[in-house]
PDB file of N, CA and C in Angstrom:
ATOM      1  N   UNK A   1     -43.363-247.130  56.698  1.00  0.00           N
ATOM      2  CA  UNK A   1     -44.332-246.373  55.944  1.00  0.00           C
ATOM      3  C   UNK A   1     -45.684-246.468  56.641  1.00  0.00           C
ATOM      4  N   UNK A   2     -46.363-245.339  56.760  1.00  0.00           N
ATOM      5  CA  UNK A   2     -47.671-245.336  57.395  1.00  0.00           C
ATOM      6  C   UNK A   2     -48.746-245.633  56.370  1.00  0.00           C
ATOM      7  N   UNK A   3     -49.705-246.428  56.763  1.00  0.00           N
ATOM      8  CA  UNK A   3     -50.778-246.755  55.809  1.00  0.00           C
ATOM      9  C   UNK A   3     -51.676-245.538  55.561  1.00  0.00           C
ATOM     10  N   UNK A   4     -52.111-245.352  54.324  1.00  0.00           N
ATOM     11  CA  UNK A   4     -53.016-244.258  53.974  1.00  0.00           C
ATOM     12  C   UNK A   4     -54.446-244.782  53.948  1.00  0.00           C
ATOM     13  N   UNK A   5     -55.341-243.928  54.388  1.00  0.00           N
ATOM     14  CA  UNK A   5     -56.750-244.295  54.309  1.00  0.00           C
ATOM     15  C   UNK A   5     -57.193-244.250  52.852  1.00  0.00           C
ATOM     16  N   UNK A   6     -58.186-245.052  52.533  1.00  0.00           N
ATOM     17  CA  UNK A   6     -58.688-245.099  51.158  1.00  0.00           C
ATOM     18  C   UNK A   6     -59.309-243.773  50.746  1.00  0.00           C
ATOM     19  N   UNK A   7     -60.013-243.122  51.669  1.00  0.00           N
ATOM     20  CA  UNK A   7     -60.678-241.875  51.316  1.00  0.00           C
ATOM     21  C   UNK A   7     -59.683-240.768  51.055  1.00  0.00           C
ATOM     22  N   UNK A   8     -58.516-240.782  51.702  1.00  0.00           N
ATOM     23  CA  UNK A   8     -57.502-239.758  51.458  1.00  0.00           C
ATOM     24  C   UNK A   8     -56.921-239.915  50.055  1.00  0.00           C
ATOM     25  N   UNK A   9     -56.813-241.116  49.589  1.00  0.00           N
ATOM     26  CA  UNK A   9     -56.284-241.341  48.250  1.00  0.00           C
ATOM     27  C   UNK A   9     -57.324-240.999  47.176  1.00  0.00           C
ATOM     28  N   UNK A  10     -58.593-241.210  47.466  1.00  0.00           N
ATOM     29  CA  UNK A  10     -59.644-240.975  46.481  1.00  0.00           C
ATOM     30  C   UNK A  10     -60.131-239.533  46.462  1.00  0.00           C
ATOM     31  N   UNK A  11     -59.858-238.766  47.504  1.00  0.00           N
ATOM     32  CA  UNK A  11     -60.380-237.406  47.616  1.00  0.00           C
ATOM     33  C   UNK A  11     -59.966-236.508  46.456  1.00  0.00           C
ATOM     34  N   UNK A  12     -58.707-236.462  46.047  1.00  0.00           N
ATOM     35  CA  UNK A  12     -58.361-235.570  44.912  1.00  0.00           C
ATOM     36  C   UNK A  12     -59.073-235.953  43.621  1.00  0.00           C
ATOM     37  N   UNK A  13     -59.244-237.230  43.384  1.00  0.00           N
ATOM     38  CA  UNK A  13     -59.938-237.673  42.171  1.00  0.00           C
ATOM     39  C   UNK A  13     -61.401-237.258  42.201  1.00  0.00           C
ATOM     40  N   UNK A  14     -62.038-237.417  43.341  1.00  0.00           N
ATOM     41  CA  UNK A  14     -63.452-237.043  43.478  1.00  0.00           C
ATOM     42  C   UNK A  14     -63.615-235.546  43.303  1.00  0.00           C
ATOM     43  N   UNK A  15     -62.743-234.753  43.904  1.00  0.00           N
ATOM     44  CA  UNK A  15     -62.820-233.290  43.753  1.00  0.00           C
ATOM     45  C   UNK A  15     -62.646-232.881  42.295  1.00  0.00           C
ATOM     46  N   UNK A  16     -61.708-233.506  41.608  1.00  0.00           N
ATOM     47  CA  UNK A  16     -61.476-233.174  40.201  1.00  0.00           C
ATOM     48  C   UNK A  16     -62.696-233.531  39.348  1.00  0.00           C
ATOM     49  N   UNK A  17     -63.301-234.669  39.608  1.00  0.00           N
ATOM     50  CA  UNK A  17     -64.492-235.068  38.853  1.00  0.00           C
ATOM     51  C   UNK A  17     -65.660-234.132  39.111  1.00  0.00           C
ATOM     52  N   UNK A  18     -65.855-233.724  40.360  1.00  0.00           N
ATOM     53  CA  UNK A  18     -66.962-232.823  40.690  1.00  0.00           C
ATOM     54  C   UNK A  18     -66.764-231.465  40.038  1.00  0.00           C
ATOM     55  N   UNK A  19     -65.542-230.959  40.050  1.00  0.00           N
ATOM     56  CA  UNK A  19     -65.253-229.666  39.430  1.00  0.00           C
ATOM     57  C   UNK A  19     -65.460-229.743  37.921  1.00  0.00           C
ATOM     58  N   UNK A  20     -64.995-230.812  37.308  1.00  0.00           N
ATOM     59  CA  UNK A  20     -65.146-230.964  35.858  1.00  0.00           C
ATOM     60  C   UNK A  20     -66.611-231.078  35.462  1.00  0.00           C
ATOM     61  N   UNK A  21     -67.416-231.756  36.253  1.00  0.00           N
ATOM     62  CA  UNK A  21     -68.819-231.904  35.887  1.00  0.00           C
ATOM     63  C   UNK A  21     -69.576-230.590  36.050  1.00  0.00           C
ATOM     64  N   UNK A  22     -69.212-229.773  37.017  1.00  0.00           N
ATOM     65  CA  UNK A  22     -69.860-228.472  37.183  1.00  0.00           C
ATOM     66  C   UNK A  22     -69.420-227.498  36.101  1.00  0.00           C
ATOM     67  N   UNK A  23     -68.174-227.580  35.689  1.00  0.00           N
ATOM     68  CA  UNK A  23     -67.658-226.665  34.679  1.00  0.00           C
ATOM     69  C   UNK A  23     -68.306-226.920  33.320  1.00  0.00           C
ATOM     70  N   UNK A  24     -68.738-228.124  33.064  1.00  0.00           N
ATOM     71  CA  UNK A  24     -69.334-228.445  31.775  1.00  0.00           C
ATOM     72  C   UNK A  24     -70.790-228.055  31.656  1.00  0.00           C
ATOM     73  N   UNK A  25     -71.457-227.781  32.761  1.00  0.00           N
ATOM     74  CA  UNK A  25     -72.879-227.462  32.690  1.00  0.00           C
ATOM     75  C   UNK A  25     -73.079-225.979  32.409  1.00  0.00           C
ATOM     76  N   UNK A  26     -74.153-225.659  31.705  1.00  0.00           N
ATOM     77  CA  UNK A  26     -74.469-224.279  31.360  1.00  0.00           C
ATOM     78  C   UNK A  26     -75.025-223.544  32.569  1.00  0.00           C
ATOM     79  N   UNK A  27     -74.775-222.261  32.674  1.00  0.00           N
ATOM     80  CA  UNK A  27     -75.331-221.510  33.793  1.00  0.00           C
ATOM     81  C   UNK A  27     -76.852-221.388  33.648  1.00  0.00           C
ATOM     82  N   UNK A  28     -77.531-221.311  34.759  1.00  0.00           N
ATOM     83  CA  UNK A  28     -78.983-221.141  34.713  1.00  0.00           C
ATOM     84  C   UNK A  28     -79.307-219.708  34.340  1.00  0.00           C
ATOM     85  N   UNK A  29     -80.396-219.526  33.674  1.00  0.00           N
ATOM     86  CA  UNK A  29     -80.796-218.202  33.223  1.00  0.00           C
ATOM     87  C   UNK A  29     -81.331-217.390  34.389  1.00  0.00           C
ATOM     88  N   UNK A  30     -80.878-216.154  34.473  1.00  0.00           N
ATOM     89  CA  UNK A  30     -81.378-215.257  35.513  1.00  0.00           C
ATOM     90  C   UNK A  30     -82.375-214.266  34.946  1.00  0.00           C
ATOM     91  N   UNK A  31     -82.659-214.377  33.657  1.00  0.00           N
ATOM     92  CA  UNK A  31     -83.603-213.466  33.009  1.00  0.00           C
ATOM     93  C   UNK A  31     -85.021-213.924  33.316  1.00  0.00           C
ATOM     94  N   UNK A  32     -85.841-212.990  33.754  1.00  0.00           N
ATOM     95  CA  UNK A  32     -87.231-213.304  34.062  1.00  0.00           C
ATOM     96  C   UNK A  32     -87.996-213.598  32.774  1.00  0.00           C
ATOM     97  N   UNK A  33     -88.977-214.498  32.823  1.00  0.00           N
ATOM     98  CA  UNK A  33     -89.766-214.772  31.619  1.00  0.00           C
ATOM     99  C   UNK A  33     -90.584-213.551  31.208  1.00  0.00           C
ATOM    100  N   UNK A  34     -90.940-213.525  29.951  1.00  0.00           N
ATOM    101  CA  UNK A  34     -91.703-212.406  29.404  1.00  0.00           C
ATOM    102  C   UNK A  34     -93.092-212.380  30.038  1.00  0.00           C
ATOM    103  N   UNK A  35     -93.495-211.225  30.496  1.00  0.00           N
ATOM    104  CA  UNK A  35     -94.838-211.055  31.055  1.00  0.00           C
ATOM    105  C   UNK A  35     -95.466-209.813  30.433  1.00  0.00           C
ATOM    106  N   UNK A  36     -96.619-209.986  29.839  1.00  0.00           N
ATOM    107  CA  UNK A  36     -97.365-208.858  29.292  1.00  0.00           C
ATOM    108  C   UNK A  36     -98.434-208.463  30.290  1.00  0.00           C
ATOM    109  N   UNK A  37     -98.724-207.190  30.366  1.00  0.00           N
ATOM    110  CA  UNK A  37     -99.783-206.754  31.274  1.00  0.00           C
ATOM    111  C   UNK A  37    -101.114-206.799  30.520  1.00  0.00           C
ATOM    112  N   UNK A  38    -102.128-207.263  31.231  1.00  0.00           N
ATOM    113  CA  UNK A  38    -103.461-207.328  30.627  1.00  0.00           C
ATOM    114  C   UNK A  38    -104.038-205.928  30.502  1.00  0.00           C
ATOM    115  N   UNK A  39    -104.710-205.646  29.414  1.00  0.00           N
ATOM    116  CA  UNK A  39    -105.380-204.357  29.291  1.00  0.00           C
ATOM    117  C   UNK A  39    -106.470-204.211  30.360  1.00  0.00           C
ATOM    118  N   UNK A  40    -106.746-202.990  30.732  1.00  0.00           N
ATOM    119  CA  UNK A  40    -107.717-202.728  31.800  1.00  0.00           C
ATOM    120  C   UNK A  40    -109.091-203.282  31.452  1.00  0.00           C
ATOM    121  N   UNK A  41    -109.454-203.230  30.177  1.00  0.00           N
ATOM    122  CA  UNK A  41    -110.770-203.732  29.764  1.00  0.00           C
ATOM    123  C   UNK A  41    -110.902-205.238  30.013  1.00  0.00           C
ATOM    124  N   UNK A  42    -109.796-205.953  29.953  1.00  0.00           N
ATOM    125  CA  UNK A  42    -109.840-207.400  30.142  1.00  0.00           C
ATOM    126  C   UNK A  42    -109.939-207.788  31.615  1.00  0.00           C
ATOM    127  N   UNK A  43    -109.567-206.894  32.512  1.00  0.00           N
ATOM    128  CA  UNK A  43    -109.615-207.213  33.941  1.00  0.00           C
ATOM    129  C   UNK A  43    -110.891-206.725  34.622  1.00  0.00           C
ATOM    130  N   UNK A  44    -111.610-205.877  33.952  1.00  0.00           N
ATOM    131  CA  UNK A  44    -112.841-205.319  34.515  1.00  0.00           C
ATOM    132  C   UNK A  44    -113.977-206.340  34.430  1.00  0.00           C
ATOM    133  N   UNK A  45    -114.777-206.507  35.494  1.00  0.00           N
ATOM    134  CA  UNK A  45    -115.915-207.430  35.393  1.00  0.00           C
ATOM    135  C   UNK A  45    -116.983-206.881  34.441  1.00  0.00           C
ATOM    136  N   UNK A  46    -117.699-207.777  33.820  1.00  0.00           N
ATOM    137  CA  UNK A  46    -118.743-207.379  32.869  1.00  0.00           C
ATOM    138  C   UNK A  46    -120.000-206.952  33.623  1.00  0.00           C
ATOM    139  N   UNK A  47    -120.580-205.856  33.168  1.00  0.00           N
ATOM    140  CA  UNK A  47    -121.825-205.358  33.752  1.00  0.00           C
ATOM    141  C   UNK A  47    -122.981-205.764  32.855  1.00  0.00           C
ATOM    142  N   UNK A  48    -124.063-206.173  33.460  1.00  0.00           N
ATOM    143  CA  UNK A  48    -125.259-206.516  32.692  1.00  0.00           C
ATOM    144  C   UNK A  48    -126.449-205.727  33.225  1.00  0.00           C
ATOM    145  N   UNK A  49    -127.266-205.266  32.306  1.00  0.00           N
ATOM    146  CA  UNK A  49    -128.442-204.485  32.679  1.00  0.00           C
ATOM    147  C   UNK A  49    -129.452-205.370  33.407  1.00  0.00           C
ATOM    148  N   UNK A  50    -130.124-204.793  34.398  1.00  0.00           N
ATOM    149  CA  UNK A  50    -131.174-205.510  35.131  1.00  0.00           C
ATOM    150  C   UNK A  50    -132.492-204.764  34.943  1.00  0.00           C
ATOM    151  N   UNK A  51    -133.543-205.497  35.056  1.00  0.00           N
ATOM    152  CA  UNK A  51    -134.870-204.907  34.888  1.00  0.00           C
ATOM    153  C   UNK A  51    -135.316-204.249  36.187  1.00  0.00           C
ATOM    154  N   UNK A  52    -136.142-203.208  36.071  1.00  0.00           N
ATOM    155  CA  UNK A  52    -136.703-202.608  37.285  1.00  0.00           C
ATOM    156  C   UNK A  52    -137.692-203.571  37.963  1.00  0.00           C
ATOM    157  N   UNK A  53    -138.155-203.209  39.127  1.00  0.00           N
ATOM    158  CA  UNK A  53    -139.046-204.083  39.906  1.00  0.00           C
ATOM    159  C   UNK A  53    -140.315-204.428  39.118  1.00  0.00           C
ATOM    160  N   UNK A  54    -140.917-203.454  38.484  1.00  0.00           N
ATOM    161  CA  UNK A  54    -142.121-203.700  37.688  1.00  0.00           C
ATOM    162  C   UNK A  54    -141.858-203.269  36.248  1.00  0.00           C
ATOM    163  N   UNK A  55    -141.285-204.149  35.415  1.00  0.00           N
ATOM    164  CA  UNK A  55    -140.908-203.749  34.060  1.00  0.00           C
ATOM    165  C   UNK A  55    -142.111-203.634  33.127  1.00  0.00           C
ATOM    166  N   UNK A  56    -141.970-202.747  32.208  1.00  0.00           N
ATOM    167  CA  UNK A  56    -142.956-202.600  31.136  1.00  0.00           C
ATOM    168  C   UNK A  56    -142.361-203.217  29.867  1.00  0.00           C
ATOM    169  N   UNK A  57    -143.138-203.237  28.800  1.00  0.00           N
ATOM    170  CA  UNK A  57    -142.643-203.775  27.543  1.00  0.00           C
ATOM    171  C   UNK A  57    -141.470-202.935  27.023  1.00  0.00           C
ATOM    172  N   UNK A  58    -141.526-201.623  27.253  1.00  0.00           N
ATOM    173  CA  UNK A  58    -140.436-200.740  26.817  1.00  0.00           C
ATOM    174  C   UNK A  58    -139.162-201.047  27.617  1.00  0.00           C
ATOM    175  N   UNK A  59    -139.319-201.343  28.922  1.00  0.00           N
ATOM    176  CA  UNK A  59    -138.166-201.701  29.753  1.00  0.00           C
ATOM    177  C   UNK A  59    -137.523-203.006  29.256  1.00  0.00           C
ATOM    178  N   UNK A  60    -138.363-203.958  28.879  1.00  0.00           N
ATOM    179  CA  UNK A  60    -137.847-205.221  28.359  1.00  0.00           C
ATOM    180  C   UNK A  60    -137.080-205.009  27.067  1.00  0.00           C
ATOM    181  N   UNK A  61    -137.627-204.193  26.152  1.00  0.00           N
ATOM    182  CA  UNK A  61    -136.940-203.907  24.894  1.00  0.00           C
ATOM    183  C   UNK A  61    -135.613-203.190  25.134  1.00  0.00           C
ATOM    184  N   UNK A  62    -135.619-202.203  26.019  1.00  0.00           N
ATOM    185  CA  UNK A  62    -134.398-201.438  26.299  1.00  0.00           C
ATOM    186  C   UNK A  62    -133.333-202.336  26.951  1.00  0.00           C
ATOM    187  N   UNK A  63    -133.759-203.177  27.888  1.00  0.00           N
ATOM    188  CA  UNK A  63    -132.810-204.075  28.556  1.00  0.00           C
ATOM    189  C   UNK A  63    -132.252-205.098  27.568  1.00  0.00           C
ATOM    190  N   UNK A  64    -133.080-205.546  26.647  1.00  0.00           N
ATOM    191  CA  UNK A  64    -132.646-206.512  25.638  1.00  0.00           C
ATOM    192  C   UNK A  64    -131.533-205.923  24.775  1.00  0.00           C
ATOM    193  N   UNK A  65    -131.735-204.702  24.308  1.00  0.00           N
ATOM    194  CA  UNK A  65    -130.742-204.035  23.469  1.00  0.00           C
ATOM    195  C   UNK A  65    -129.480-203.722  24.285  1.00  0.00           C
ATOM    196  N   UNK A  66    -129.680-203.229  25.506  1.00  0.00           N
ATOM    197  CA  UNK A  66    -128.540-202.867  26.353  1.00  0.00           C
ATOM    198  C   UNK A  66    -127.701-204.099  26.711  1.00  0.00           C
ATOM    199  N   UNK A  67    -128.353-205.184  27.024  1.00  0.00           N
ATOM    200  CA  UNK A  67    -127.611-206.419  27.348  1.00  0.00           C
ATOM    201  C   UNK A  67    -126.842-206.942  26.142  1.00  0.00           C
ATOM    202  N   UNK A  68    -127.418-206.827  24.971  1.00  0.00           N
ATOM    203  CA  UNK A  68    -126.707-207.247  23.766  1.00  0.00           C
ATOM    204  C   UNK A  68    -125.410-206.465  23.584  1.00  0.00           C
ATOM    205  N   UNK A  69    -125.488-205.152  23.769  1.00  0.00           N
ATOM    206  CA  UNK A  69    -124.289-204.313  23.658  1.00  0.00           C
ATOM    207  C   UNK A  69    -123.275-204.664  24.750  1.00  0.00           C
ATOM    208  N   UNK A  70    -123.758-204.918  25.964  1.00  0.00           N
ATOM    209  CA  UNK A  70    -122.855-205.270  27.070  1.00  0.00           C
ATOM    210  C   UNK A  70    -122.197-206.632  26.846  1.00  0.00           C
ATOM    211  N   UNK A  71    -122.938-207.558  26.281  1.00  0.00           N
ATOM    212  CA  UNK A  71    -122.355-208.877  25.989  1.00  0.00           C
ATOM    213  C   UNK A  71    -121.275-208.774  24.909  1.00  0.00           C
ATOM    214  N   UNK A  72    -121.489-207.924  23.903  1.00  0.00           N
ATOM    215  CA  UNK A  72    -120.468-207.717  22.874  1.00  0.00           C
ATOM    216  C   UNK A  72    -119.208-207.104  23.472  1.00  0.00           C
ATOM    217  N   UNK A  73    -119.374-206.127  24.366  1.00  0.00           N
ATOM    218  CA  UNK A  73    -118.214-205.495  25.010  1.00  0.00           C
ATOM    219  C   UNK A  73    -117.476-206.495  25.894  1.00  0.00           C
ATOM    220  N   UNK A  74    -118.229-207.334  26.609  1.00  0.00           N
ATOM    221  CA  UNK A  74    -117.623-208.336  27.485  1.00  0.00           C
ATOM    222  C   UNK A  74    -116.863-209.379  26.661  1.00  0.00           C
ATOM    223  N   UNK A  75    -117.428-209.779  25.544  1.00  0.00           N
ATOM    224  CA  UNK A  75    -116.760-210.756  24.687  1.00  0.00           C
ATOM    225  C   UNK A  75    -115.497-210.162  24.077  1.00  0.00           C
ATOM    226  N   UNK A  76    -115.535-208.896  23.729  1.00  0.00           N
ATOM    227  CA  UNK A  76    -114.336-208.217  23.223  1.00  0.00           C
ATOM    228  C   UNK A  76    -113.226-208.177  24.262  1.00  0.00           C
ATOM    229  N   UNK A  77    -113.592-207.905  25.511  1.00  0.00           N
ATOM    230  CA  UNK A  77    -112.604-207.892  26.594  1.00  0.00           C
ATOM    231  C   UNK A  77    -112.027-209.289  26.816  1.00  0.00           C
ATOM    232  N   UNK A  78    -112.866-210.298  26.716  1.00  0.00           N
ATOM    233  CA  UNK A  78    -112.392-211.679  26.878  1.00  0.00           C
ATOM    234  C   UNK A  78    -111.421-212.046  25.759  1.00  0.00           C
ATOM    235  N   UNK A  79    -111.757-211.662  24.542  1.00  0.00           N
ATOM    236  CA  UNK A  79    -110.870-211.937  23.407  1.00  0.00           C
ATOM    237  C   UNK A  79    -109.530-211.231  23.583  1.00  0.00           C
ATOM    238  N   UNK A  80    -109.571-210.004  24.096  1.00  0.00           N
ATOM    239  CA  UNK A  80    -108.348-209.242  24.336  1.00  0.00           C
ATOM    240  C   UNK A  80    -107.464-209.954  25.354  1.00  0.00           C
ATOM    241  N   UNK A  81    -108.068-210.492  26.403  1.00  0.00           N
ATOM    242  CA  UNK A  81    -107.317-211.230  27.424  1.00  0.00           C
ATOM    243  C   UNK A  81    -106.709-212.496  26.833  1.00  0.00           C
ATOM    244  N   UNK A  82    -107.468-213.199  26.010  1.00  0.00           N
ATOM    245  CA  UNK A  82    -106.960-214.429  25.391  1.00  0.00           C
ATOM    246  C   UNK A  82    -105.822-214.112  24.421  1.00  0.00           C
ATOM    247  N   UNK A  83    -105.965-213.061  23.623  1.00  0.00           N
ATOM    248  CA  UNK A  83    -104.906-212.679  22.689  1.00  0.00           C
ATOM    249  C   UNK A  83    -103.634-212.285  23.430  1.00  0.00           C
ATOM    250  N   UNK A  84    -103.781-211.592  24.557  1.00  0.00           N
ATOM    251  CA  UNK A  84    -102.619-211.210  25.356  1.00  0.00           C
ATOM    252  C   UNK A  84    -101.923-212.445  25.902  1.00  0.00           C
ATOM    253  N   UNK A  85    -102.692-213.396  26.397  1.00  0.00           N
ATOM    254  CA  UNK A  85    -102.119-214.628  26.928  1.00  0.00           C
ATOM    255  C   UNK A  85    -101.397-215.417  25.839  1.00  0.00           C
ATOM    256  N   UNK A  86    -102.012-215.527  24.674  1.00  0.00           N
ATOM    257  CA  UNK A  86    -101.383-216.260  23.575  1.00  0.00           C
ATOM    258  C   UNK A  86    -100.114-215.566  23.087  1.00  0.00           C
ATOM    259  N   UNK A  87    -100.130-214.234  23.047  1.00  0.00           N
ATOM    260  CA  UNK A  87     -98.930-213.491  22.641  1.00  0.00           C
ATOM    261  C   UNK A  87     -97.807-213.690  23.649  1.00  0.00           C
ATOM    262  N   UNK A  88     -98.151-213.688  24.936  1.00  0.00           N
ATOM    263  CA  UNK A  88     -97.148-213.906  25.979  1.00  0.00           C
ATOM    264  C   UNK A  88     -96.537-215.297  25.856  1.00  0.00           C
ATOM    265  N   UNK A  89     -97.365-216.297  25.626  1.00  0.00           N
ATOM    266  CA  UNK A  89     -96.860-217.666  25.474  1.00  0.00           C
ATOM    267  C   UNK A  89     -95.993-217.805  24.227  1.00  0.00           C
ATOM    268  N   UNK A  90     -96.376-217.139  23.148  1.00  0.00           N
ATOM    269  CA  UNK A  90     -95.574-217.193  21.922  1.00  0.00           C
ATOM    270  C   UNK A  90     -94.209-216.553  22.148  1.00  0.00           C
ATOM    271  N   UNK A  91     -94.167-215.448  22.891  1.00  0.00           N
ATOM    272  CA  UNK A  91     -92.893-214.798  23.186  1.00  0.00           C
ATOM    273  C   UNK A  91     -92.018-215.696  24.057  1.00  0.00           C
ATOM    274  N   UNK A  92     -92.629-216.374  25.032  1.00  0.00           N
ATOM    275  CA  UNK A  92     -91.864-217.285  25.884  1.00  0.00           C
ATOM    276  C   UNK A  92     -91.346-218.477  25.079  1.00  0.00           C
ATOM    277  N   UNK A  93     -92.170-219.013  24.184  1.00  0.00           N
ATOM    278  CA  UNK A  93     -91.731-220.132  23.341  1.00  0.00           C
ATOM    279  C   UNK A  93     -90.585-219.711  22.426  1.00  0.00           C
ATOM    280  N   UNK A  94     -90.663-218.493  21.885  1.00  0.00           N
ATOM    281  CA  UNK A  94     -89.597-218.004  21.018  1.00  0.00           C
ATOM    282  C   UNK A  94     -88.301-217.849  21.804  1.00  0.00           C
ATOM    283  N   UNK A  95     -88.407-217.374  23.031  1.00  0.00           N
ATOM    284  CA  UNK A  95     -87.218-217.222  23.870  1.00  0.00           C
ATOM    285  C   UNK A  95     -86.598-218.573  24.196  1.00  0.00           C
ATOM    286  N   UNK A  96     -87.430-219.557  24.461  1.00  0.00           N
ATOM    287  CA  UNK A  96     -86.932-220.904  24.778  1.00  0.00           C
ATOM    288  C   UNK A  96     -86.266-221.525  23.559  1.00  0.00           C
ATOM    289  N   UNK A  97     -86.877-221.368  22.374  1.00  0.00           N
ATOM    290  CA  UNK A  97     -86.278-221.948  21.165  1.00  0.00           C
ATOM    291  C   UNK A  97     -84.992-221.219  20.795  1.00  0.00           C
ATOM    292  N   UNK A  98     -84.918-219.905  21.048  1.00  0.00           N
ATOM    293  CA  UNK A  98     -83.694-219.156  20.811  1.00  0.00           C
ATOM    294  C   UNK A  98     -82.582-219.641  21.725  1.00  0.00           C
ATOM    295  N   UNK A  99     -82.921-219.880  22.993  1.00  0.00           N
ATOM    296  CA  UNK A  99     -81.931-220.377  23.948  1.00  0.00           C
ATOM    297  C   UNK A  99     -81.468-221.770  23.565  1.00  0.00           C
ATOM    298  N   UNK A 100     -82.353-222.576  23.016  1.00  0.00           N
ATOM    299  CA  UNK A 100     -81.973-223.929  22.597  1.00  0.00           C
ATOM    300  C   UNK A 100     -81.018-223.890  21.407  1.00  0.00           C
ATOM    301  N   UNK A 101     -81.175-222.901  20.521  1.00  0.00           N
ATOM    302  CA  UNK A 101     -80.282-222.780  19.363  1.00  0.00           C
ATOM    303  C   UNK A 101     -78.887-222.328  19.791  1.00  0.00           C
ATOM    304  N   UNK A 102     -78.811-221.518  20.841  1.00  0.00           N
ATOM    305  CA  UNK A 102     -77.531-220.998  21.309  1.00  0.00           C
ATOM    306  C   UNK A 102     -76.711-222.082  21.968  1.00  0.00           C
ATOM    307  N   UNK A 103     -77.374-223.000  22.665  1.00  0.00           N
ATOM    308  CA  UNK A 103     -76.663-224.091  23.344  1.00  0.00           C
ATOM    309  C   UNK A 103     -76.060-225.027  22.313  1.00  0.00           C
ATOM    310  N   UNK A 104     -74.834-225.479  22.577  1.00  0.00           N
ATOM    311  CA  UNK A 104     -74.190-226.373  21.603  1.00  0.00           C
ATOM    312  C   UNK A 104     -74.775-227.757  21.613  1.00  0.00           C
TER     313      UNK A 104
END
């Protein structure tokens, strides 16, 4: 009788264990995560009024009012961007929790 190497005797057992461990694992998800597109207003830089070289009192008053309106518009765009980001994260969290419920 010819002697058998130890690795030849252990090879079928190792292959069976590796196959069984791979078969028990869940497949990885190929679905891309949810991505929302930012509204155009949220990506646009904010414009602020500037004073002319030699401003008058009327120029100061007009710039004051104009800047106030521009700051409100800029803050609205920022809020829109934040709401979009939070909605995207909530959708991703819901997808993750749904996937966790499906897994045994």
